């Protein structure tokens, strides 16, 4: 019976990984296809990578997306951290329930509603749509995700460390920068990366608030896919997968080194 359960678990594991990664493997494979048809193998070639690097529309859209994602992630991290501190450290205050609901609403709000609402706002105030409107719209929903991550970390902090620092004469700002920020660093990095990824991946909201000359990479890819999948898109997807894989490997190496160093420090502390 245990053997049957084991084979069942292995089968489900293989099926799950195949379901997740088989499409990515096919995308990478056909990015090296010599022909234009993405479903018929015509031989190995790197032709489409060369054409991708010469496609000014895609390169410009990628640069716009990276700029928007970077600005959005930084602003969302700052605003989300302030929101988390307000909800965790300020206790009960007038309008707290409303503030909590407004700060978490983007988590469950459909992208279509968020995009339409921000579009009506910009039209109502006469703000010309472009890169700035996309950035503001992305910050609107990204800060909610950052606030949830940072708030969970703040709830687990030991306030006695901050109290000890202030008892020793540290000002509140110095206590925050020297004590609190390093303790929040993992949550801040996680929130920044999540906000960056959400912005880079967004299509629906950006489609509502984008203007002339401010097309993001998902918008350009979607417009091209509607006319038929091009091998250039496969090449673009392969490059993105490669970059993400490299980042994951680097992060894993850093975390392993930190764990090893922590284990060594613990052993030294026990011996001492």
C-alpha atoms as a PDB file:
ATOM      1  CA  UNK A   1       0.000   0.000   0.000  1.00  0.00           C
ATOM      2  CA  UNK A   2       2.827   2.356   0.791  1.00  0.00           C
ATOM      3  CA  UNK A   3       4.362   1.523  -2.566  1.00  0.00           C
ATOM      4  CA  UNK A   4       1.079   2.394  -4.300  1.00  0.00           C
ATOM      5  CA  UNK A   5       0.828   5.671  -2.437  1.00  0.00           C
ATOM      6  CA  UNK A   6       4.437   6.435  -3.317  1.00  0.00           C
ATOM      7  CA  UNK A   7       3.874   5.823  -7.032  1.00  0.00           C
ATOM      8  CA  UNK A   8       0.701   7.904  -6.893  1.00  0.00           C
ATOM      9  CA  UNK A   9       2.574  10.792  -5.274  1.00  0.00           C
ATOM     10  CA  UNK A  10       5.381  10.560  -7.821  1.00  0.00           C
ATOM     11  CA  UNK A  11       2.883  10.473 -10.698  1.00  0.00           C
ATOM     12  CA  UNK A  12       1.062  13.527  -9.395  1.00  0.00           C
ATOM     13  CA  UNK A  13       4.367  15.320  -8.890  1.00  0.00           C
ATOM     14  CA  UNK A  14       5.491  14.569 -12.439  1.00  0.00           C
ATOM     15  CA  UNK A  15       2.104  15.605 -13.824  1.00  0.00           C
ATOM     16  CA  UNK A  16       2.175  18.852 -11.873  1.00  0.00           C
ATOM     17  CA  UNK A  17       5.661  19.809 -13.018  1.00  0.00           C
ATOM     18  CA  UNK A  18       4.806  18.857 -16.610  1.00  0.00           C
ATOM     19  CA  UNK A  19       1.642  20.952 -16.472  1.00  0.00           C
ATOM     20  CA  UNK A  20       3.592  23.956 -15.206  1.00  0.00           C
ATOM     21  CA  UNK A  21       6.823  23.746 -17.154  1.00  0.00           C
ATOM     22  CA  UNK A  22       6.020  21.902 -20.409  1.00  0.00           C
ATOM     23  CA  UNK A  23       4.604  25.085 -22.038  1.00  0.00           C
ATOM     24  CA  UNK A  24       7.723  27.019 -20.988  1.00  0.00           C
ATOM     25  CA  UNK A  25       9.953  24.280 -22.387  1.00  0.00           C
ATOM     26  CA  UNK A  26       8.091  24.388 -25.711  1.00  0.00           C
ATOM     27  CA  UNK A  27       8.373  28.181 -25.813  1.00  0.00           C
ATOM     28  CA  UNK A  28      12.148  27.955 -25.312  1.00  0.00           C
ATOM     29  CA  UNK A  29      12.455  25.175 -27.892  1.00  0.00           C
ATOM     30  CA  UNK A  30      10.546  26.996 -30.640  1.00  0.00           C
ATOM     31  CA  UNK A  31      12.417  30.232 -29.973  1.00  0.00           C
ATOM     32  CA  UNK A  32      15.290  28.511 -31.798  1.00  0.00           C
ATOM     33  CA  UNK A  33      13.088  27.452 -34.708  1.00  0.00           C
ATOM     34  CA  UNK A  34      14.357  28.556 -38.113  1.00  0.00           C
ATOM     35  CA  UNK A  35      10.881  28.900 -39.628  1.00  0.00           C
ATOM     36  CA  UNK A  36       8.153  31.437 -38.968  1.00  0.00           C
ATOM     37  CA  UNK A  37       5.617  28.828 -37.893  1.00  0.00           C
ATOM     38  CA  UNK A  38       5.742  28.396 -34.131  1.00  0.00           C
ATOM     39  CA  UNK A  39       4.183  24.932 -34.226  1.00  0.00           C
ATOM     40  CA  UNK A  40       6.320  23.312 -36.942  1.00  0.00           C
ATOM     41  CA  UNK A  41      10.013  22.629 -36.350  1.00  0.00           C
ATOM     42  CA  UNK A  42      12.112  23.764 -39.321  1.00  0.00           C
ATOM     43  CA  UNK A  43      15.612  23.496 -37.917  1.00  0.00           C
ATOM     44  CA  UNK A  44      17.810  25.169 -35.327  1.00  0.00           C
ATOM     45  CA  UNK A  45      18.509  28.903 -35.664  1.00  0.00           C
ATOM     46  CA  UNK A  46      19.112  31.983 -33.521  1.00  0.00           C
ATOM     47  CA  UNK A  47      17.641  34.232 -36.169  1.00  0.00           C
ATOM     48  CA  UNK A  48      14.743  35.459 -34.063  1.00  0.00           C
ATOM     49  CA  UNK A  49      16.981  36.654 -31.256  1.00  0.00           C
ATOM     50  CA  UNK A  50      18.784  38.888 -33.722  1.00  0.00           C
ATOM     51  CA  UNK A  51      15.512  40.249 -35.071  1.00  0.00           C
ATOM     52  CA  UNK A  52      14.239  40.777 -31.536  1.00  0.00           C
ATOM     53  CA  UNK A  53      17.259  42.934 -30.680  1.00  0.00           C
ATOM     54  CA  UNK A  54      16.517  45.027 -33.767  1.00  0.00           C
ATOM     55  CA  UNK A  55      12.823  45.471 -32.970  1.00  0.00           C
ATOM     56  CA  UNK A  56      12.672  49.041 -31.669  1.00  0.00           C
ATOM     57  CA  UNK A  57       9.019  48.757 -30.634  1.00  0.00           C
ATOM     58  CA  UNK A  58       9.636  45.862 -28.263  1.00  0.00           C
ATOM     59  CA  UNK A  59      12.891  47.307 -26.914  1.00  0.00           C
ATOM     60  CA  UNK A  60      11.265  50.687 -26.237  1.00  0.00           C
ATOM     61  CA  UNK A  61       8.279  49.026 -24.561  1.00  0.00           C
ATOM     62  CA  UNK A  62      10.613  46.932 -22.402  1.00  0.00           C
ATOM     63  CA  UNK A  63      12.494  50.059 -21.306  1.00  0.00           C
ATOM     64  CA  UNK A  64       9.228  51.836 -20.465  1.00  0.00           C
ATOM     65  CA  UNK A  65       8.038  48.825 -18.445  1.00  0.00           C
ATOM     66  CA  UNK A  66      11.299  48.648 -16.501  1.00  0.00           C
ATOM     67  CA  UNK A  67      11.171  52.351 -15.642  1.00  0.00           C
ATOM     68  CA  UNK A  68       7.539  52.177 -14.562  1.00  0.00           C
ATOM     69  CA  UNK A  69       8.126  49.006 -12.535  1.00  0.00           C
ATOM     70  CA  UNK A  70      11.159  50.480 -10.746  1.00  0.00           C
ATOM     71  CA  UNK A  71       9.422  53.738  -9.834  1.00  0.00           C
ATOM     72  CA  UNK A  72       6.279  51.881  -8.835  1.00  0.00           C
ATOM     73  CA  UNK A  73       8.133  49.380  -6.643  1.00  0.00           C
ATOM     74  CA  UNK A  74      10.078  52.101  -4.818  1.00  0.00           C
ATOM     75  CA  UNK A  75       7.064  54.351  -4.214  1.00  0.00           C
ATOM     76  CA  UNK A  76       4.818  51.419  -3.266  1.00  0.00           C
ATOM     77  CA  UNK A  77       7.415  50.164  -0.766  1.00  0.00           C
ATOM     78  CA  UNK A  78       7.636  53.560   0.919  1.00  0.00           C
ATOM     79  CA  UNK A  79       3.869  54.151   1.020  1.00  0.00           C
ATOM     80  CA  UNK A  80       3.098  50.544   1.939  1.00  0.00           C
ATOM     81  CA  UNK A  81       5.591  50.659   4.816  1.00  0.00           C
ATOM     82  CA  UNK A  82       4.054  53.873   6.148  1.00  0.00           C
ATOM     83  CA  UNK A  83       0.598  52.320   5.866  1.00  0.00           C
ATOM     84  CA  UNK A  84       1.735  49.224   7.750  1.00  0.00           C
ATOM     85  CA  UNK A  85       3.217  51.345  10.551  1.00  0.00           C
ATOM     86  CA  UNK A  86       0.038  53.399  10.814  1.00  0.00           C
ATOM     87  CA  UNK A  87      -2.076  50.278  11.197  1.00  0.00           C
ATOM     88  CA  UNK A  88       0.277  48.487  13.609  1.00  0.00           C
ATOM     89  CA  UNK A  89       1.744  51.198  15.803  1.00  0.00           C
ATOM     90  CA  UNK A  90      -0.842  53.988  16.035  1.00  0.00           C
ATOM     91  CA  UNK A  91      -3.482  51.968  17.883  1.00  0.00           C
ATOM     92  CA  UNK A  92      -7.111  52.948  17.578  1.00  0.00           C
ATOM     93  CA  UNK A  93      -7.769  56.239  15.776  1.00  0.00           C
ATOM     94  CA  UNK A  94     -10.746  57.846  14.123  1.00  0.00           C
ATOM     95  CA  UNK A  95     -11.296  56.423  10.652  1.00  0.00           C
ATOM     96  CA  UNK A  96      -9.078  53.390  11.242  1.00  0.00           C
ATOM     97  CA  UNK A  97     -11.678  50.949   9.896  1.00  0.00           C
ATOM     98  CA  UNK A  98     -12.163  53.009   6.747  1.00  0.00           C
ATOM     99  CA  UNK A  99      -8.399  53.403   6.299  1.00  0.00           C
ATOM    100  CA  UNK A 100      -7.860  49.662   6.716  1.00  0.00           C
ATOM    101  CA  UNK A 101     -10.547  48.876   4.170  1.00  0.00           C
ATOM    102  CA  UNK A 102      -9.190  51.374   1.648  1.00  0.00           C
ATOM    103  CA  UNK A 103      -5.621  50.092   2.033  1.00  0.00           C
ATOM    104  CA  UNK A 104      -6.641  46.470   1.465  1.00  0.00           C
ATOM    105  CA  UNK A 105      -9.363  46.994  -1.170  1.00  0.00           C
ATOM    106  CA  UNK A 106      -6.930  46.747  -4.134  1.00  0.00           C
ATOM    107  CA  UNK A 107      -6.116  43.190  -3.035  1.00  0.00           C
ATOM    108  CA  UNK A 108      -9.601  41.980  -3.976  1.00  0.00           C
ATOM    109  CA  UNK A 109     -10.591  44.634  -6.502  1.00  0.00           C
ATOM    110  CA  UNK A 110     -10.784  43.325 -10.100  1.00  0.00           C
ATOM    111  CA  UNK A 111      -8.199  44.891 -12.393  1.00  0.00           C
ATOM    112  CA  UNK A 112     -10.922  46.042 -14.753  1.00  0.00           C
ATOM    113  CA  UNK A 113     -12.588  48.077 -12.006  1.00  0.00           C
ATOM    114  CA  UNK A 114      -9.267  49.549 -10.857  1.00  0.00           C
ATOM    115  CA  UNK A 115      -8.310  50.461 -14.407  1.00  0.00           C
ATOM    116  CA  UNK A 116     -11.688  52.018 -15.163  1.00  0.00           C
ATOM    117  CA  UNK A 117     -11.729  53.978 -11.900  1.00  0.00           C
ATOM    118  CA  UNK A 118      -8.250  55.413 -12.428  1.00  0.00           C
ATOM    119  CA  UNK A 119      -9.110  56.234 -16.051  1.00  0.00           C
ATOM    120  CA  UNK A 120     -12.188  58.196 -14.970  1.00  0.00           C
ATOM    121  CA  UNK A 121     -10.073  59.994 -12.354  1.00  0.00           C
ATOM    122  CA  UNK A 122      -7.448  61.098 -14.861  1.00  0.00           C
ATOM    123  CA  UNK A 123     -10.072  62.139 -17.394  1.00  0.00           C
ATOM    124  CA  UNK A 124     -11.983  64.059 -14.726  1.00  0.00           C
ATOM    125  CA  UNK A 125      -8.963  66.092 -13.615  1.00  0.00           C
ATOM    126  CA  UNK A 126      -7.682  66.543 -17.159  1.00  0.00           C
ATOM    127  CA  UNK A 127      -4.412  64.655 -16.652  1.00  0.00           C
ATOM    128  CA  UNK A 128      -2.869  63.640 -19.963  1.00  0.00           C
ATOM    129  CA  UNK A 129      -2.445  59.879 -20.102  1.00  0.00           C
ATOM    130  CA  UNK A 130       1.049  58.486 -20.468  1.00  0.00           C
ATOM    131  CA  UNK A 131       3.847  56.975 -18.441  1.00  0.00           C
ATOM    132  CA  UNK A 132       2.951  59.003 -15.336  1.00  0.00           C
ATOM    133  CA  UNK A 133      -0.655  57.780 -15.267  1.00  0.00           C
ATOM    134  CA  UNK A 134       0.435  54.148 -15.616  1.00  0.00           C
ATOM    135  CA  UNK A 135       2.892  54.598 -12.758  1.00  0.00           C
ATOM    136  CA  UNK A 136       0.301  56.165 -10.454  1.00  0.00           C
ATOM    137  CA  UNK A 137      -2.230  53.456 -11.255  1.00  0.00           C
ATOM    138  CA  UNK A 138       0.327  50.739 -10.525  1.00  0.00           C
ATOM    139  CA  UNK A 139       1.302  52.345  -7.230  1.00  0.00           C
ATOM    140  CA  UNK A 140      -2.372  52.416  -6.261  1.00  0.00           C
ATOM    141  CA  UNK A 141      -2.738  48.648  -6.231  1.00  0.00           C
ATOM    142  CA  UNK A 142       0.881  47.648  -5.501  1.00  0.00           C
ATOM    143  CA  UNK A 143       1.155  49.431  -2.154  1.00  0.00           C
ATOM    144  CA  UNK A 144      -1.608  47.224  -0.744  1.00  0.00           C
ATOM    145  CA  UNK A 145       0.496  44.103  -1.324  1.00  0.00           C
ATOM    146  CA  UNK A 146       3.555  45.744   0.225  1.00  0.00           C
ATOM    147  CA  UNK A 147       1.520  46.878   3.235  1.00  0.00           C
ATOM    148  CA  UNK A 148       0.349  43.325   3.935  1.00  0.00           C
ATOM    149  CA  UNK A 149       3.894  41.917   3.781  1.00  0.00           C
ATOM    150  CA  UNK A 150       5.476  44.658   5.904  1.00  0.00           C
ATOM    151  CA  UNK A 151       2.604  44.666   8.396  1.00  0.00           C
ATOM    152  CA  UNK A 152       3.096  40.962   9.058  1.00  0.00           C
ATOM    153  CA  UNK A 153       6.775  41.576   9.719  1.00  0.00           C
ATOM    154  CA  UNK A 154       6.135  44.562  11.995  1.00  0.00           C
ATOM    155  CA  UNK A 155       3.728  42.498  14.099  1.00  0.00           C
ATOM    156  CA  UNK A 156       6.562  40.052  14.882  1.00  0.00           C
ATOM    157  CA  UNK A 157       9.154  42.682  15.835  1.00  0.00           C
ATOM    158  CA  UNK A 158      10.378  42.910  19.407  1.00  0.00           C
ATOM    159  CA  UNK A 159       9.624  46.469  20.519  1.00  0.00           C
ATOM    160  CA  UNK A 160      12.029  46.119  23.442  1.00  0.00           C
ATOM    161  CA  UNK A 161      14.913  46.662  20.994  1.00  0.00           C
ATOM    162  CA  UNK A 162      13.508  50.033  19.968  1.00  0.00           C
ATOM    163  CA  UNK A 163      12.795  50.960  23.578  1.00  0.00           C
ATOM    164  CA  UNK A 164      16.352  50.037  24.580  1.00  0.00           C
ATOM    165  CA  UNK A 165      17.788  52.170  21.773  1.00  0.00           C
ATOM    166  CA  UNK A 166      15.695  55.184  22.809  1.00  0.00           C
ATOM    167  CA  UNK A 167      16.606  54.647  26.474  1.00  0.00           C
ATOM    168  CA  UNK A 168      20.257  54.885  25.417  1.00  0.00           C
ATOM    169  CA  UNK A 169      19.580  58.273  23.843  1.00  0.00           C
ATOM    170  CA  UNK A 170      18.768  57.444  20.222  1.00  0.00           C
ATOM    171  CA  UNK A 171      16.211  59.693  18.573  1.00  0.00           C
ATOM    172  CA  UNK A 172      13.097  58.097  17.011  1.00  0.00           C
ATOM    173  CA  UNK A 173      14.384  58.662  13.467  1.00  0.00           C
ATOM    174  CA  UNK A 174      17.770  57.094  14.244  1.00  0.00           C
ATOM    175  CA  UNK A 175      16.059  54.208  16.020  1.00  0.00           C
ATOM    176  CA  UNK A 176      13.929  53.633  12.947  1.00  0.00           C
ATOM    177  CA  UNK A 177      16.866  53.741  10.526  1.00  0.00           C
ATOM    178  CA  UNK A 178      19.369  51.780  12.623  1.00  0.00           C
ATOM    179  CA  UNK A 179      17.113  49.263  14.404  1.00  0.00           C
ATOM    180  CA  UNK A 180      13.782  48.920  12.605  1.00  0.00           C
ATOM    181  CA  UNK A 181      14.825  49.132   8.946  1.00  0.00           C
ATOM    182  CA  UNK A 182      17.445  46.315   9.169  1.00  0.00           C
ATOM    183  CA  UNK A 183      14.878  44.112  10.904  1.00  0.00           C
ATOM    184  CA  UNK A 184      12.343  44.920   8.188  1.00  0.00           C
ATOM    185  CA  UNK A 185      14.843  44.444   5.355  1.00  0.00           C
ATOM    186  CA  UNK A 186      13.581  40.978   4.264  1.00  0.00           C
ATOM    187  CA  UNK A 187       9.985  42.224   4.149  1.00  0.00           C
ATOM    188  CA  UNK A 188      10.973  45.430   2.358  1.00  0.00           C
ATOM    189  CA  UNK A 189      12.926  43.511  -0.277  1.00  0.00           C
ATOM    190  CA  UNK A 190      10.083  41.031  -0.716  1.00  0.00           C
ATOM    191  CA  UNK A 191       7.549  43.835  -1.045  1.00  0.00           C
ATOM    192  CA  UNK A 192       9.719  45.704  -3.541  1.00  0.00           C
ATOM    193  CA  UNK A 193      10.201  42.613  -5.697  1.00  0.00           C
ATOM    194  CA  UNK A 194       6.494  41.756  -5.580  1.00  0.00           C
ATOM    195  CA  UNK A 195       5.499  45.304  -6.556  1.00  0.00           C
ATOM    196  CA  UNK A 196       8.088  45.275  -9.359  1.00  0.00           C
ATOM    197  CA  UNK A 197       6.758  41.954 -10.678  1.00  0.00           C
ATOM    198  CA  UNK A 198       3.110  43.020 -10.498  1.00  0.00           C
ATOM    199  CA  UNK A 199       3.865  46.209 -12.407  1.00  0.00           C
ATOM    200  CA  UNK A 200       5.970  44.459 -15.026  1.00  0.00           C
ATOM    201  CA  UNK A 201       3.259  41.854 -15.549  1.00  0.00           C
ATOM    202  CA  UNK A 202       0.201  44.126 -15.594  1.00  0.00           C
ATOM    203  CA  UNK A 203      -1.787  44.427 -18.802  1.00  0.00           C
ATOM    204  CA  UNK A 204      -5.376  45.306 -17.912  1.00  0.00           C
ATOM    205  CA  UNK A 205      -4.829  48.421 -15.806  1.00  0.00           C
ATOM    206  CA  UNK A 206      -2.087  49.745 -18.089  1.00  0.00           C
ATOM    207  CA  UNK A 207      -4.390  49.340 -21.105  1.00  0.00           C
ATOM    208  CA  UNK A 208      -6.933  51.669 -19.491  1.00  0.00           C
ATOM    209  CA  UNK A 209      -4.602  54.474 -18.428  1.00  0.00           C
ATOM    210  CA  UNK A 210      -1.903  54.319 -21.121  1.00  0.00           C
ATOM    211  CA  UNK A 211      -1.518  57.088 -23.652  1.00  0.00           C
ATOM    212  CA  UNK A 212       0.281  57.655 -26.934  1.00  0.00           C
ATOM    213  CA  UNK A 213       3.945  56.689 -26.776  1.00  0.00           C
ATOM    214  CA  UNK A 214       3.615  54.934 -23.416  1.00  0.00           C
ATOM    215  CA  UNK A 215       2.951  51.312 -24.308  1.00  0.00           C
ATOM    216  CA  UNK A 216       4.275  48.759 -21.845  1.00  0.00           C
ATOM    217  CA  UNK A 217       5.821  45.443 -22.839  1.00  0.00           C
ATOM    218  CA  UNK A 218       2.710  43.337 -21.987  1.00  0.00           C
ATOM    219  CA  UNK A 219       0.597  45.671 -24.129  1.00  0.00           C
ATOM    220  CA  UNK A 220       2.930  45.318 -27.115  1.00  0.00           C
ATOM    221  CA  UNK A 221       3.168  41.537 -26.706  1.00  0.00           C
ATOM    222  CA  UNK A 222      -0.602  41.210 -26.433  1.00  0.00           C
ATOM    223  CA  UNK A 223      -1.171  43.317 -29.543  1.00  0.00           C
ATOM    224  CA  UNK A 224       1.275  41.144 -31.490  1.00  0.00           C
ATOM    225  CA  UNK A 225      -0.152  37.855 -30.218  1.00  0.00           C
ATOM    226  CA  UNK A 226      -3.644  38.848 -31.344  1.00  0.00           C
ATOM    227  CA  UNK A 227      -2.362  38.788 -34.923  1.00  0.00           C
ATOM    228  CA  UNK A 228      -0.597  35.450 -34.419  1.00  0.00           C
ATOM    229  CA  UNK A 229       2.271  34.256 -32.294  1.00  0.00           C
ATOM    230  CA  UNK A 230       5.616  35.397 -33.685  1.00  0.00           C
ATOM    231  CA  UNK A 231       8.914  33.588 -33.039  1.00  0.00           C
ATOM    232  CA  UNK A 232      10.209  36.919 -31.747  1.00  0.00           C
ATOM    233  CA  UNK A 233       7.763  36.627 -28.848  1.00  0.00           C
ATOM    234  CA  UNK A 234       9.144  33.175 -28.106  1.00  0.00           C
ATOM    235  CA  UNK A 235      12.649  34.628 -28.055  1.00  0.00           C
ATOM    236  CA  UNK A 236      11.494  37.426 -25.742  1.00  0.00           C
ATOM    237  CA  UNK A 237       9.852  34.926 -23.407  1.00  0.00           C
ATOM    238  CA  UNK A 238      13.015  32.810 -23.352  1.00  0.00           C
ATOM    239  CA  UNK A 239      15.129  35.815 -22.376  1.00  0.00           C
ATOM    240  CA  UNK A 240      12.720  36.705 -19.575  1.00  0.00           C
ATOM    241  CA  UNK A 241      12.752  33.106 -18.298  1.00  0.00           C
ATOM    242  CA  UNK A 242      16.563  33.135 -18.377  1.00  0.00           C
ATOM    243  CA  UNK A 243      16.774  36.400 -16.427  1.00  0.00           C
ATOM    244  CA  UNK A 244      14.283  35.180 -13.819  1.00  0.00           C
ATOM    245  CA  UNK A 245      16.159  31.886 -13.465  1.00  0.00           C
ATOM    246  CA  UNK A 246      19.469  33.668 -12.934  1.00  0.00           C
ATOM    247  CA  UNK A 247      17.906  35.911 -10.275  1.00  0.00           C
ATOM    248  CA  UNK A 248      16.427  32.897  -8.469  1.00  0.00           C
ATOM    249  CA  UNK A 249      19.754  31.054  -8.513  1.00  0.00           C
ATOM    250  CA  UNK A 250      21.612  34.105  -7.171  1.00  0.00           C
ATOM    251  CA  UNK A 251      19.011  34.570  -4.412  1.00  0.00           C
ATOM    252  CA  UNK A 252      19.237  30.891  -3.478  1.00  0.00           C
ATOM    253  CA  UNK A 253      23.028  31.081  -3.240  1.00  0.00           C
ATOM    254  CA  UNK A 254      22.838  34.183  -1.050  1.00  0.00           C
ATOM    255  CA  UNK A 255      20.273  32.592   1.273  1.00  0.00           C
ATOM    256  CA  UNK A 256      22.357  29.405   1.571  1.00  0.00           C
ATOM    257  CA  UNK A 257      25.451  31.386   2.488  1.00  0.00           C
ATOM    258  CA  UNK A 258      23.488  33.339   5.082  1.00  0.00           C
ATOM    259  CA  UNK A 259      22.131  30.143   6.607  1.00  0.00           C
ATOM    260  CA  UNK A 260      25.607  28.600   6.730  1.00  0.00           C
ATOM    261  CA  UNK A 261      27.038  31.714   8.317  1.00  0.00           C
ATOM    262  CA  UNK A 262      24.216  31.771  10.839  1.00  0.00           C
ATOM    263  CA  UNK A 263      24.843  28.116  11.690  1.00  0.00           C
ATOM    264  CA  UNK A 264      28.561  28.833  12.145  1.00  0.00           C
ATOM    265  CA  UNK A 265      27.800  31.819  14.374  1.00  0.00           C
ATOM    266  CA  UNK A 266      25.425  29.714  16.475  1.00  0.00           C
ATOM    267  CA  UNK A 267      28.068  27.029  16.894  1.00  0.00           C
ATOM    268  CA  UNK A 268      30.669  29.622  17.917  1.00  0.00           C
ATOM    269  CA  UNK A 269      28.231  31.120  20.401  1.00  0.00           C
ATOM    270  CA  UNK A 270      27.527  27.722  21.943  1.00  0.00           C
ATOM    271  CA  UNK A 271      31.240  26.942  22.263  1.00  0.00           C
ATOM    272  CA  UNK A 272      31.906  30.344  23.770  1.00  0.00           C
END
